């Protein structure tokens, strides 16, 4: 959860840090229109047909107002719950609460009522939720238990629980469950069950101290500090460390652990980014693999931040979603009445590449449910509301292609055969960049590291975003764009390409 994003956002934070004492959450507030800049304006119902300019058509957005980090994602009884940082009173950072959306397929989402609001301990910052199958916390079998950072004078860890399948929450009377009266940065608890040591494990980020603390608990209410992860590689010790997630994955037939860790500033394009560290975890200590290519990036673009995985996902899936924005310009994005969206959900796996564990991201297969039939393309095409563009690049020769629209706005992609990398240009030719000085990026490097004579790219294009994936998932890059209208022309001399229309999810 980012707390110092710009002078403007800092001012908002100062204005909002004295939060309303409201220990009982109002579960019935509908979606609202923006209030004043501080986010404490009057909340009024608003309706939308989700057709406003730049409104994403295949990505989740609330009807209105500010969002940032995804929080507390948990799967239970066929429902994917997405909670997230949300300001119920306006389009700017402040008054942070937990918004809520549900889905049965990770594609179509329904906005639900706000579940957590500021109380006497402060605003409701980022955190996680788990399904307590064995009633270890005493709130009932299969209760959903949320751990989050209560941000008041200090950042402390608090607990809330739901006994109705995640639709409403009650705060725990014994909050905070981990007190703090000294550390300025101590936040974003991500919790999971560790079978081998029969305990819950919590990861906590320490911001500018460049550390992740690991805590253990038998009942989710009483916690003991286990260890702290740091890394001597100074290339990783930049920006605030936030939103940790320690994930178990399969690699070459055995278990391996991956620590996801968001940093800001210091990302691959400046501003926000998310690193990952493959390693080993024994129930007490996480040790990252020794390697010389850190930092490793979950996404090489500028607009995928604070992403974490769903807990209790079926069939051992590691499903990830990120906040599709960057703190360099998040408060200035030219959209209304909502502000910000989330990435497409992605399935995370590990593969071996050049002898090393490499994180792969692929869009979840459920998206095929809104996909039409692939059509060959080179030139103008019917883009519909959103689409998937698939290309094959010969790896032994330089090439380039571009996406453009009827008013001449254009996004360029340049493949370099010697470096096996793709350069993506987001500049004044792409669309509106004037709203923020740091939005224009003359060239973003995406290392494909591809082997063989050809490699594939899958590019998902929505009304205000472009997400690029290498065919094996080992490289991805996410971009916000604000063209006058969706790109509906491909110029790709000598390249094989198809386009697949994607139905809007609203």
Protein backbone atom coordinates (compact mmCIF):
# COMPACT_ATOMS: atom_id res chain seq x y z
CA UNK A 1 0.00 0.00 0.00
CA UNK A 2 1.69 3.20 -1.15
CA UNK A 3 1.53 6.12 1.26
CA UNK A 4 3.78 8.78 -0.27
CA UNK A 5 3.06 9.02 -3.94
CA UNK A 6 3.43 12.71 -4.78
CA UNK A 7 3.07 16.06 -3.07
CA UNK A 8 -0.61 16.00 -4.01
CA UNK A 9 -1.21 12.52 -2.70
CA UNK A 10 0.80 13.31 0.44
CA UNK A 11 -1.46 16.25 1.10
CA UNK A 12 -4.46 14.01 0.72
CA UNK A 13 -2.96 11.52 3.13
CA UNK A 14 -2.41 14.21 5.76
CA UNK A 15 -5.97 15.38 5.29
CA UNK A 16 -7.39 11.88 5.68
CA UNK A 17 -5.19 10.28 8.31
CA UNK A 18 -7.54 11.31 11.14
CA UNK A 19 -10.13 8.77 10.15
CA UNK A 20 -13.74 8.51 11.22
CA UNK A 21 -14.32 6.33 14.27
CA UNK A 22 -16.67 3.83 12.72
CA UNK A 23 -16.14 0.42 14.24
CA UNK A 24 -19.31 -0.91 12.63
CA UNK A 25 -18.98 -1.17 8.87
CA UNK A 26 -21.86 0.00 6.71
CA UNK A 27 -22.35 -3.01 4.45
CA UNK A 28 -25.06 -1.50 2.28
CA UNK A 29 -23.40 1.53 0.65
CA UNK A 30 -23.87 1.29 -3.15
CA UNK A 31 -21.27 2.42 -5.70
CA UNK A 32 -20.78 6.17 -5.46
CA UNK A 33 -19.87 9.21 -7.50
CA UNK A 34 -16.71 11.19 -6.70
CA UNK A 35 -16.76 13.47 -3.68
CA UNK A 36 -14.20 16.18 -2.88
CA UNK A 37 -10.47 15.85 -3.48
CA UNK A 38 -9.84 14.47 -0.02
CA UNK A 39 -12.20 11.59 -0.64
CA UNK A 40 -14.58 12.41 2.18
CA UNK A 41 -17.38 13.91 0.13
CA UNK A 42 -20.97 12.82 0.16
CA UNK A 43 -21.48 9.32 -1.22
CA UNK A 44 -24.26 9.08 -3.78
CA UNK A 45 -25.38 6.16 -5.94
CA UNK A 46 -24.34 6.32 -9.59
CA UNK A 47 -25.21 4.14 -12.55
CA UNK A 48 -23.08 3.40 -15.58
CA UNK A 49 -23.34 1.45 -18.80
CA UNK A 50 -19.55 1.04 -18.68
CA UNK A 51 -19.19 2.79 -22.03
CA UNK A 52 -17.40 5.99 -20.99
CA UNK A 53 -14.34 7.02 -22.97
CA UNK A 54 -11.35 4.82 -22.06
CA UNK A 55 -13.53 2.53 -19.88
CA UNK A 56 -11.96 -0.97 -19.99
CA UNK A 57 -14.21 -3.58 -21.57
CA UNK A 58 -12.40 -6.79 -20.51
CA UNK A 59 -10.79 -5.56 -17.27
CA UNK A 60 -12.52 -5.02 -13.94
CA UNK A 61 -13.23 -1.46 -12.82
CA UNK A 62 -15.70 -0.28 -10.18
CA UNK A 63 -18.52 1.97 -11.34
CA UNK A 64 -16.78 4.99 -9.83
CA UNK A 65 -13.92 6.26 -7.67
CA UNK A 66 -10.32 5.56 -6.83
CA UNK A 67 -8.82 2.05 -6.63
CA UNK A 68 -5.29 0.77 -6.18
CA UNK A 69 -3.83 -2.47 -4.73
CA UNK A 70 -5.78 -5.72 -5.04
CA UNK A 71 -6.28 -7.14 -1.54
CA UNK A 72 -7.55 -10.23 0.21
CA UNK A 73 -8.27 -12.28 -2.89
CA UNK A 74 -9.73 -15.64 -1.92
CA UNK A 75 -11.66 -18.41 -3.68
CA UNK A 76 -14.52 -20.19 -1.94
CA UNK A 77 -17.43 -22.34 -3.15
CA UNK A 78 -17.04 -21.43 -6.82
CA UNK A 79 -16.65 -17.70 -6.21
CA UNK A 80 -13.49 -15.66 -6.84
CA UNK A 81 -13.48 -12.76 -4.38
CA UNK A 82 -11.49 -9.68 -5.36
CA UNK A 83 -11.09 -7.10 -2.60
CA UNK A 84 -9.11 -3.94 -3.28
CA UNK A 85 -8.00 -0.57 -1.99
CA UNK A 86 -10.91 1.77 -2.63
CA UNK A 87 -11.99 5.32 -1.81
CA UNK A 88 -15.81 5.26 -1.53
CA UNK A 89 -15.95 9.07 -1.55
CA UNK A 90 -13.96 10.26 -4.52
CA UNK A 91 -11.54 9.76 -7.44
CA UNK A 92 -8.35 10.46 -5.48
CA UNK A 93 -6.23 8.56 -2.97
CA UNK A 94 -7.64 8.77 0.58
CA UNK A 95 -10.28 7.37 2.93
CA UNK A 96 -8.95 3.93 2.05
CA UNK A 97 -11.38 1.06 2.48
CA UNK A 98 -11.81 -2.41 0.96
CA UNK A 99 -13.96 -2.52 -2.14
CA UNK A 100 -15.25 -5.90 -3.29
CA UNK A 101 -16.09 -7.69 -6.53
CA UNK A 102 -17.04 -11.31 -7.22
CA UNK A 103 -16.78 -13.61 -10.22
CA UNK A 104 -17.52 -17.21 -11.08
CA UNK A 105 -15.08 -17.27 -14.01
CA UNK A 106 -12.34 -14.63 -13.41
CA UNK A 107 -13.71 -12.73 -16.42
CA UNK A 108 -17.17 -11.35 -15.61
CA UNK A 109 -17.22 -9.35 -12.37
CA UNK A 110 -19.99 -8.01 -10.14
CA UNK A 111 -19.27 -5.04 -7.92
CA UNK A 112 -20.36 -5.70 -4.33
CA UNK A 113 -20.75 -3.49 -1.25
CA UNK A 114 -17.71 -2.06 0.55
CA UNK A 115 -16.65 -4.54 3.25
CA UNK A 116 -14.08 -2.69 5.39
CA UNK A 117 -13.91 1.01 6.28
CA UNK A 118 -11.59 3.18 8.41
CA UNK A 119 -12.03 2.95 12.17
CA UNK A 120 -10.25 4.20 15.28
CA UNK A 121 -7.03 2.40 14.22
CA UNK A 122 -6.84 4.23 10.88
CA UNK A 123 -7.44 3.64 7.22
CA UNK A 124 -7.75 0.09 5.88
CA UNK A 125 -4.58 -0.51 3.91
CA UNK A 126 -3.59 -3.61 1.95
CA UNK A 127 -3.71 -7.19 3.21
CA UNK A 128 -4.93 -10.67 2.44
CA UNK A 129 -7.66 -13.18 3.26
CA UNK A 130 -7.69 -16.93 3.85
CA UNK A 131 -10.33 -19.60 4.22
CA UNK A 132 -10.03 -21.07 7.71
CA UNK A 133 -11.17 -24.61 6.89
CA UNK A 134 -10.34 -26.07 10.32
CA UNK A 135 -11.64 -23.18 12.44
CA UNK A 136 -8.20 -22.41 13.84
CA UNK A 137 -9.24 -18.82 14.65
CA UNK A 138 -12.50 -19.80 16.35
CA UNK A 139 -14.86 -17.93 14.02
CA UNK A 140 -16.28 -21.10 12.48
CA UNK A 141 -15.25 -23.64 9.86
CA UNK A 142 -14.63 -22.08 6.45
CA UNK A 143 -14.81 -18.56 7.85
CA UNK A 144 -12.93 -16.09 5.67
CA UNK A 145 -10.35 -14.31 7.81
CA UNK A 146 -8.82 -11.06 6.55
CA UNK A 147 -5.53 -9.66 7.84
CA UNK A 148 -4.84 -6.05 6.86
CA UNK A 149 -2.78 -3.03 7.82
CA UNK A 150 -4.61 -0.48 9.94
CA UNK A 151 -2.83 2.79 9.13
CA UNK A 152 -3.22 5.48 11.73
CA UNK A 153 -0.39 7.02 13.74
CA UNK A 154 1.48 3.76 13.06
CA UNK A 155 0.93 0.86 10.70
CA UNK A 156 -0.42 -2.13 12.65
CA UNK A 157 -1.89 -5.45 11.59
CA UNK A 158 -5.58 -6.01 12.21
CA UNK A 159 -8.05 -8.84 11.66
CA UNK A 160 -11.63 -9.06 10.39
CA UNK A 161 -13.70 -12.13 9.66
CA UNK A 162 -16.66 -13.20 7.56
CA UNK A 163 -19.10 -16.01 8.28
CA UNK A 164 -21.31 -15.41 5.23
CA UNK A 165 -18.89 -16.36 2.47
CA UNK A 166 -16.99 -13.09 2.25
CA UNK A 167 -19.91 -10.71 1.69
CA UNK A 168 -19.69 -8.91 5.05
CA UNK A 169 -16.96 -8.70 7.70
CA UNK A 170 -16.78 -7.98 11.42
CA UNK A 171 -13.67 -6.57 13.04
CA UNK A 172 -11.91 -8.56 15.73
CA UNK A 173 -12.27 -7.05 19.19
CA UNK A 174 -8.63 -7.80 20.00
CA UNK A 175 -7.15 -5.63 17.21
CA UNK A 176 -4.38 -4.98 16.52
CA UNK A 177 -3.15 -8.55 16.33
CA UNK A 178 0.39 -7.27 15.66
CA UNK A 179 0.98 -3.91 17.32
CA UNK A 180 3.56 -1.38 16.17
CA UNK A 181 4.62 1.87 17.78
CA UNK A 182 8.02 2.45 16.21
CA UNK A 183 8.41 1.35 12.57
CA UNK A 184 7.16 3.89 9.99
CA UNK A 185 6.70 1.17 7.32
CA UNK A 186 5.21 -2.15 8.41
CA UNK A 187 2.41 -3.29 6.17
CA UNK A 188 0.60 -5.42 3.59
CA UNK A 189 0.25 -8.79 5.37
CA UNK A 190 0.03 -11.77 3.00
CA UNK A 191 -0.98 -14.96 4.81
CA UNK A 192 -0.91 -18.64 3.82
CA UNK A 193 -1.06 -22.04 5.53
CA UNK A 194 2.23 -23.98 5.72
CA UNK A 195 1.35 -27.66 5.95
CA UNK A 196 4.77 -28.98 6.98
CA UNK A 197 4.99 -26.82 10.13
CA UNK A 198 1.20 -26.70 10.73
CA UNK A 199 1.03 -22.93 11.05
CA UNK A 200 -0.11 -19.83 9.29
CA UNK A 201 2.69 -17.73 7.80
CA UNK A 202 2.48 -13.96 7.34
CA UNK A 203 4.77 -11.82 5.16
CA UNK A 204 5.08 -8.13 6.07
CA UNK A 205 6.91 -5.46 4.07
CA UNK A 206 9.16 -2.86 5.73
CA UNK A 207 9.12 -0.15 3.06
CA UNK A 208 12.31 1.87 2.94
CA UNK A 209 14.06 -0.56 5.30
CA UNK A 210 14.27 -3.11 2.44
CA UNK A 211 13.09 -6.10 4.41
CA UNK A 212 10.25 -8.62 4.60
CA UNK A 213 9.41 -10.03 8.02
CA UNK A 214 7.95 -13.54 8.36
CA UNK A 215 5.58 -14.28 11.24
CA UNK A 216 3.90 -17.51 12.35
CA UNK A 217 0.60 -18.30 14.06
CA UNK A 218 -1.51 -21.31 14.98
CA UNK A 219 -4.79 -19.37 15.18
CA UNK A 220 -4.46 -16.21 13.03
CA UNK A 221 -4.90 -14.10 16.17
CA UNK A 222 -1.59 -14.56 18.03
CA UNK A 223 1.61 -14.08 16.03
CA UNK A 224 5.32 -14.70 16.61
CA UNK A 225 8.12 -13.18 14.56
CA UNK A 226 10.09 -15.92 12.76
CA UNK A 227 12.72 -14.25 10.57
CA UNK A 228 13.47 -11.43 8.17
CA UNK A 229 14.36 -11.59 4.49
CA UNK A 230 16.86 -9.10 3.11
CA UNK A 231 19.13 -9.25 0.09
CA UNK A 232 22.64 -7.81 -0.28
CA UNK A 233 22.18 -6.98 -3.96
CA UNK A 234 21.86 -3.19 -3.95
CA UNK A 235 20.13 -3.25 -7.33
CA UNK A 236 17.09 -4.56 -5.46
CA UNK A 237 17.28 -2.14 -2.54
CA UNK A 238 15.56 0.78 -4.19
CA UNK A 239 12.18 2.29 -3.52
CA UNK A 240 9.72 1.18 -0.89
CA UNK A 241 9.23 -2.57 -0.52
CA UNK A 242 5.51 -3.34 -0.51
CA UNK A 243 2.90 -6.05 -1.05
CA UNK A 244 4.95 -9.24 -0.49
CA UNK A 245 3.59 -12.65 -1.51
CA UNK A 246 5.45 -15.91 -0.85
CA UNK A 247 4.12 -18.50 -3.30
CA UNK A 248 4.75 -22.26 -3.50
CA UNK A 249 5.19 -23.53 -7.08
CA UNK A 250 6.27 -26.71 -8.84
CA UNK A 251 9.65 -26.62 -10.57
CA UNK A 252 11.33 -29.57 -12.26
CA UNK A 253 9.25 -32.03 -10.27
CA UNK A 254 9.67 -30.52 -6.81
CA UNK A 255 8.41 -27.58 -4.76
CA UNK A 256 10.07 -24.22 -5.03
CA UNK A 257 9.10 -20.90 -3.48
CA UNK A 258 8.87 -17.49 -5.14
CA UNK A 259 8.72 -14.20 -3.25
CA UNK A 260 6.84 -11.46 -5.11
CA UNK A 261 7.73 -7.96 -3.94
CA UNK A 262 6.55 -4.60 -5.25
CA UNK A 263 8.86 -1.58 -5.21
CA UNK A 264 8.23 2.11 -5.78
CA UNK A 265 10.08 3.97 -7.16
CA UNK A 266 12.66 1.77 -8.85
CA UNK A 267 10.59 -0.27 -11.29
CA UNK A 268 11.86 -1.33 -14.72
CA UNK A 269 10.43 1.82 -16.36
CA UNK A 270 10.75 4.17 -13.40
CA UNK A 271 8.12 4.49 -10.73
CA UNK A 272 6.35 1.26 -9.84
CA UNK A 273 7.37 -2.35 -10.50
CA UNK A 274 7.25 -5.84 -9.03
CA UNK A 275 10.33 -8.00 -8.45
CA UNK A 276 10.45 -11.72 -7.80
CA UNK A 277 12.94 -13.93 -6.00
CA UNK A 278 13.01 -17.72 -6.53
CA UNK A 279 14.25 -19.57 -3.46
CA UNK A 280 13.59 -22.02 -0.63
CA UNK A 281 11.38 -21.76 2.46
CA UNK A 282 11.57 -24.15 5.42
CA UNK A 283 8.65 -22.81 7.44
CA UNK A 284 10.81 -20.24 9.23
CA UNK A 285 13.31 -18.68 6.83
CA UNK A 286 13.13 -17.79 3.14
CA UNK A 287 16.45 -17.84 1.26
CA UNK A 288 16.61 -16.47 -2.26
CA UNK A 289 18.58 -18.32 -4.92
CA UNK A 290 22.06 -16.94 -5.51
CA UNK A 291 22.18 -15.49 -9.03
CA UNK A 292 23.66 -12.50 -10.82
CA UNK A 293 20.64 -11.33 -12.81
CA UNK A 294 18.62 -9.59 -10.08
CA UNK A 295 16.34 -7.71 -10.11
CA UNK A 296 13.94 -10.06 -11.86
CA UNK A 297 10.67 -8.46 -12.94
CA UNK A 298 7.21 -9.97 -12.91
CA UNK A 299 6.32 -7.49 -15.69
CA UNK A 300 8.67 -5.32 -17.76
CA UNK A 301 6.11 -2.61 -18.50
CA UNK A 302 5.25 0.44 -16.40
CA UNK A 303 1.71 -0.49 -15.35
CA UNK A 304 1.56 -3.68 -13.30
CA UNK A 305 2.00 -3.07 -9.58
CA UNK A 306 1.10 -4.49 -6.16
CA UNK A 307 -0.02 -7.79 -7.66
CA UNK A 308 -0.58 -10.84 -5.45
CA UNK A 309 -2.18 -14.27 -5.82
CA UNK A 310 -5.55 -15.71 -4.79
CA UNK A 311 -5.61 -17.95 -1.74
CA UNK A 312 -7.47 -21.27 -1.65
CA UNK A 313 -7.48 -21.41 -5.46
CA UNK A 314 -8.68 -24.75 -6.86
CA UNK A 315 -6.31 -27.38 -8.26
CA UNK A 316 -3.28 -25.66 -6.77
CA UNK A 317 -3.47 -22.80 -9.26
CA UNK A 318 -1.44 -19.65 -8.65
CA UNK A 319 -3.68 -16.92 -10.08
CA UNK A 320 -2.31 -13.38 -9.96
CA UNK A 321 -3.80 -9.95 -10.59
CA UNK A 322 -2.12 -6.54 -10.39
CA UNK A 323 -3.10 -2.91 -10.16
CA UNK A 324 -2.83 -1.55 -13.71
CA UNK A 325 -1.18 1.78 -12.97
CA UNK A 326 1.98 3.50 -11.80
CA UNK A 327 2.43 5.90 -8.89
CA UNK A 328 4.25 8.31 -11.26
CA UNK A 329 0.88 9.37 -12.69
CA UNK A 330 -1.88 7.35 -10.98
CA UNK A 331 -3.62 10.43 -9.61
CA UNK A 332 -3.70 12.18 -12.97
CA UNK A 333 -5.09 9.51 -15.33
CA UNK A 334 -7.65 11.10 -17.71
CA UNK A 335 -10.63 8.88 -16.85
CA UNK A 336 -13.94 9.42 -15.06
CA UNK A 337 -15.98 8.58 -13.00
CA UNK A 338 -13.67 5.65 -12.11
CA UNK A 339 -9.93 5.88 -11.63
CA UNK A 340 -7.83 2.80 -12.33
CA UNK A 341 -8.32 -0.81 -13.32
CA UNK A 342 -6.72 -4.19 -12.72
CA UNK A 343 -4.69 -6.31 -15.09
CA UNK A 344 -6.13 -9.40 -16.70
CA UNK A 345 -5.86 -12.30 -14.23
CA UNK A 346 -2.76 -14.37 -14.94
CA UNK A 347 -1.65 -17.88 -14.10
CA UNK A 348 1.88 -18.05 -12.66
CA UNK A 349 4.20 -21.01 -13.23
CA UNK A 350 7.93 -21.69 -13.13
CA UNK A 351 10.03 -22.97 -16.03
CA UNK A 352 13.75 -23.55 -16.44
CA UNK A 353 15.44 -21.05 -18.72
CA UNK A 354 19.21 -20.96 -19.18
CA UNK A 355 19.41 -23.31 -16.20
CA UNK A 356 17.54 -20.93 -13.88
CA UNK A 357 14.02 -20.79 -12.45
CA UNK A 358 12.01 -18.28 -14.48
CA UNK A 359 8.56 -16.98 -13.61
CA UNK A 360 5.97 -17.27 -16.38
CA UNK A 361 2.69 -15.38 -16.68
CA UNK A 362 -0.14 -16.34 -18.98
CA UNK A 363 -3.63 -14.91 -19.15
CA UNK A 364 -6.04 -17.34 -17.47
CA UNK A 365 -7.67 -19.83 -19.83
CA UNK A 366 -11.13 -18.63 -18.74
CA UNK A 367 -10.69 -15.65 -21.08
CA UNK A 368 -11.24 -18.05 -23.99
CA UNK A 369 -14.91 -17.98 -23.02
CA UNK A 370 -15.29 -14.47 -24.50
CA UNK A 371 -13.04 -15.05 -27.51
CA UNK A 372 -14.20 -15.32 -31.10
CA UNK A 373 -12.37 -17.10 -33.92
CA UNK A 374 -8.87 -15.96 -34.91
CA UNK A 375 -8.74 -14.14 -38.24
CA UNK A 376 -5.64 -13.43 -40.37
CA UNK A 377 -4.81 -9.72 -40.27
CA UNK A 378 -2.50 -7.17 -41.84
CA UNK A 379 -4.03 -3.75 -42.26
CA UNK A 380 -7.34 -2.46 -40.93
CA UNK A 381 -9.64 -4.79 -39.00
CA UNK A 382 -12.79 -4.77 -36.88
CA UNK A 383 -11.41 -4.28 -33.37
CA UNK A 384 -14.76 -4.50 -31.59
CA UNK A 385 -14.55 -3.60 -27.90
CA UNK A 386 -11.25 -5.44 -27.25
CA UNK A 387 -9.13 -8.06 -28.93
CA UNK A 388 -6.15 -10.40 -28.80
CA UNK A 389 -3.45 -9.97 -31.44
CA UNK A 390 -1.11 -12.93 -32.03
CA UNK A 391 2.10 -12.58 -34.05
CA UNK A 392 5.03 -14.79 -35.00
CA UNK A 393 8.44 -13.08 -35.07
CA UNK A 394 11.44 -14.68 -36.83
CA UNK A 395 14.11 -14.44 -34.13
CA UNK A 396 17.08 -14.19 -36.50
CA UNK A 397 16.18 -10.87 -38.10
CA UNK A 398 15.14 -7.41 -37.00
CA UNK A 399 11.50 -6.50 -37.49
CA UNK A 400 8.90 -3.96 -36.49
CA UNK A 401 5.16 -3.58 -36.41
CA UNK A 402 2.68 -0.98 -35.23
CA UNK A 403 -0.90 -0.62 -34.03
CA UNK A 404 -2.75 2.51 -35.10
CA UNK A 405 -6.25 3.99 -35.37
CA UNK A 406 -8.28 6.10 -37.76
CA UNK A 407 -6.94 9.41 -36.41
CA UNK A 408 -3.30 8.40 -36.89
CA UNK A 409 -2.37 7.59 -33.29
CA UNK A 410 0.17 4.80 -33.28
CA UNK A 411 1.97 2.43 -30.89
CA UNK A 412 5.24 1.05 -32.28
CA UNK A 413 7.01 -2.24 -31.50
CA UNK A 414 10.60 -2.93 -32.60
CA UNK A 415 12.23 -6.38 -32.36
CA UNK A 416 16.04 -6.52 -32.09
CA UNK A 417 17.47 -9.88 -33.19
CA UNK A 418 20.90 -9.44 -31.60
CA UNK A 419 19.52 -8.77 -28.11
CA UNK A 420 16.38 -10.90 -28.60
CA UNK A 421 14.34 -8.07 -27.13
CA UNK A 422 11.28 -6.00 -27.98
CA UNK A 423 11.19 -2.22 -27.64
CA UNK A 424 7.74 -0.68 -27.11
CA UNK A 425 7.20 3.04 -27.66
CA UNK A 426 4.58 4.92 -25.66
CA UNK A 427 4.84 8.58 -26.60
CA UNK A 428 2.81 11.48 -27.95
CA UNK A 429 2.02 9.47 -31.09
CA UNK A 430 0.28 6.83 -28.96
CA UNK A 431 -2.53 9.07 -27.74
CA UNK A 432 -2.96 11.44 -24.81
CA UNK A 433 0.23 11.75 -22.74
CA UNK A 434 -0.03 15.41 -21.76
CA UNK A 435 -1.77 14.77 -18.42
CA UNK A 436 1.50 13.72 -16.69
CA UNK A 437 5.15 14.54 -17.44
CA UNK A 438 6.34 10.98 -16.71
CA UNK A 439 3.71 9.14 -18.77
CA UNK A 440 5.51 9.35 -22.12
CA UNK A 441 8.12 6.59 -22.49
CA UNK A 442 10.26 6.76 -25.65
CA UNK A 443 11.29 3.12 -25.42
CA UNK A 444 10.50 0.28 -22.99
CA UNK A 445 12.77 -2.75 -23.32
CA UNK A 446 11.14 -6.18 -22.97
CA UNK A 447 13.80 -8.95 -22.97
CA UNK A 448 12.21 -11.92 -24.72
CA UNK A 449 15.25 -14.21 -24.38
CA UNK A 450 13.68 -16.44 -27.01
CA UNK A 451 15.28 -19.57 -28.42
CA UNK A 452 14.62 -21.23 -31.77
CA UNK A 453 13.98 -19.70 -35.17
CA UNK A 454 10.71 -17.96 -34.25
CA UNK A 455 8.81 -16.73 -31.22
CA UNK A 456 5.21 -15.78 -30.65
CA UNK A 457 3.63 -12.74 -29.04
CA UNK A 458 0.11 -12.42 -27.66
CA UNK A 459 -1.06 -8.83 -27.24
CA UNK A 460 -4.33 -8.01 -25.45
CA UNK A 461 -5.73 -4.61 -26.44
CA UNK A 462 -8.53 -2.87 -24.55
CA UNK A 463 -9.88 0.68 -24.64
CA UNK A 464 -7.00 2.02 -22.51
CA UNK A 465 -4.44 -0.75 -22.15
CA UNK A 466 -2.05 -3.00 -24.06
CA UNK A 467 -0.68 -6.17 -22.40
CA UNK A 468 2.16 -7.98 -24.19
CA UNK A 469 3.05 -11.65 -23.51
CA UNK A 470 5.84 -13.79 -24.92
CA UNK A 471 4.47 -17.09 -26.18
CA UNK A 472 6.08 -19.09 -23.36
CA UNK A 473 4.96 -16.56 -20.74
CA UNK A 474 8.50 -15.77 -19.61
CA UNK A 475 8.19 -12.07 -20.49
CA UNK A 476 5.25 -9.72 -20.22
CA UNK A 477 4.76 -5.96 -20.32
CA UNK A 478 1.67 -3.96 -19.37
CA UNK A 479 0.91 -0.46 -20.69
CA UNK A 480 -1.83 2.05 -20.12
CA UNK A 481 -2.64 4.01 -23.27
CA UNK A 482 -5.19 6.74 -23.94
CA UNK A 483 -5.86 6.91 -27.69
CA UNK A 484 -8.83 8.79 -29.11
CA UNK A 485 -10.29 5.43 -30.16
CA UNK A 486 -9.10 1.83 -30.01
CA UNK A 487 -6.27 0.78 -32.31
CA UNK A 488 -7.79 -1.01 -35.30
CA UNK A 489 -4.98 -1.28 -37.83
CA UNK A 490 -1.89 -3.51 -37.85
CA UNK A 491 1.11 -2.75 -40.04
CA UNK A 492 3.46 -5.72 -39.91
CA UNK A 493 5.40 -6.32 -43.11
CA UNK A 494 6.39 -9.96 -43.51
CA UNK A 495 4.97 -11.07 -40.15
CA UNK A 496 2.28 -13.70 -39.61
CA UNK A 497 -0.57 -12.34 -37.47
CA UNK A 498 -4.13 -13.11 -36.40
CA UNK A 499 -6.69 -11.09 -34.45
CA UNK A 500 -9.34 -12.50 -32.11
CA UNK A 501 -12.20 -10.28 -30.96
CA UNK A 502 -13.07 -10.41 -27.26
CA UNK A 503 -16.61 -9.73 -26.05
CA UNK A 504 -17.10 -6.97 -23.47
CA UNK A 505 -17.65 -8.31 -19.96
CA UNK A 506 -20.33 -5.82 -18.86
